[in-house]
Amino acid sequence: MRYRIQKDDRAPAYLQLYRQMRDDIVAGVYPYHTKLPSKRLISDEVGVSTVTVEHAYALLCEEGYIEARERSGYFVIFRTDDGFVASASQKVAHVPLADATADVTEAFPITVLTKAMRGVMNDFGEAILQKSPNAGCLELRGAIAQYLARSRGISATAEQIVIGSGSEYLYSLIVELLGRERIYAIESPSYQKIEQVYRACAARYEMLPLGSDGIESAALWATGADVLHISPYRSFPSGITATASKRHEYLRWAGDDGARYIVEDDFESEFSVSKKPEETLFSHTSCENVIYMNTFSRTISPALRVGYMVLPKHLVATFERKLGFYSCTVPTFEQLLLARLMSNGDFERHINRVRRKKRCELSHGFEAK
């Protein structure tokens, strides 16, 4: 067994072990249906407690890489053999979500917000009245890049990040960036405004039906689209979260020849009840064909109307050439405010507080049953 816990790695031991085992599962070291070593065996050979191993196994279960079978152990359910997942033919069991335009999941503390506002005004003065750079203020783009690196496993520079006034605006920029001649595929059902924006942009699109684990495999591989727009975490309004197998299937569909792209709409995933943030497709791919998107509508306030996208490195110059003339649609003050909240830790403290509360509510719900 080659698992090693690095003392100089800032990540906790259970997360290091989880990542190493996940990579082995994806690489086929543990094929589909294989039984994993016991927690005691891993503990003895790696030199960590069984609690550490248990936490790593729990994360692998939550992400859909393995499953626990009573009195039998842990078995791999991730598969890459033919691109088709066993449950893909199942129809969506609708669990309607609240309106995607509704209020935030948990109100951001107004006292923290007003303190940050005063600090920005005191520190920047009249600079808050200046025009923002077209792609967004470097302070916010840098803060987002650092946040994504430490919290989402996404490695990107500030130059890859574009700030805009909400998801709908960014959807339209993506169409202009990739081209109207392409065919865009979206989930069915999906957030209505995605379809409305593609229609308004005169872009061709296809609706791909969702199964219980994500887009049905047969529809995915039969589509004539070359851009796939997905919400892997709790797609609205179905509430479907793509499994680990399905997320990797999306990446296999995109390939590595640059002909296809994935738009990863990561709305609200920060508030997952998992012990770690949800995995992103952007962090898993090295083929430079995933555009990552997120907003602050749920985490801070929908009134801010601030979103961002992370471009693959090779698209940065193309974006600048084709769309770099567009002025940033978010006021400088709001960008500097968000940068401060992310840089001083207030943003992540709020997210962690909400996630702990949701986990507590969920556990109490199970106990009540």
Foldseek 3Di string as FASTA:
>chain_A
DPQEDDPPDPDDRLVSVLVVVVVCLVVCVAAAFRFDDALVVCCVVHVHDSVSPVLSVLLCVVQFQWDQDPPPHIGGQAHDDPLAHPQLVAAFPFDFDPDPLDKAPDAQDPVVLVVLLVVLCVVCPCVLVDFAQAQGHLLLLQLVQVCCVVAALAHAHSLQKGKAQADLVVLLLVCLLVHLVFEEEEEVVANVSSVVSNVVSNHHYYYFYGHQAGGRRVSLQPDPGQEYEYAQQLGPGRGHHHHPNNLVSVVVSNPQPQRHAYEHEDEPQLQDLRPGGHHDSNSVDPSQRYKYKYACCRQHNNVQSMIMIGHRPVSSVSCCVRPSVHGHHGRSSSSSSSSVCSVVVVSVVSSVVSSVVVNVVVVVVVVVD
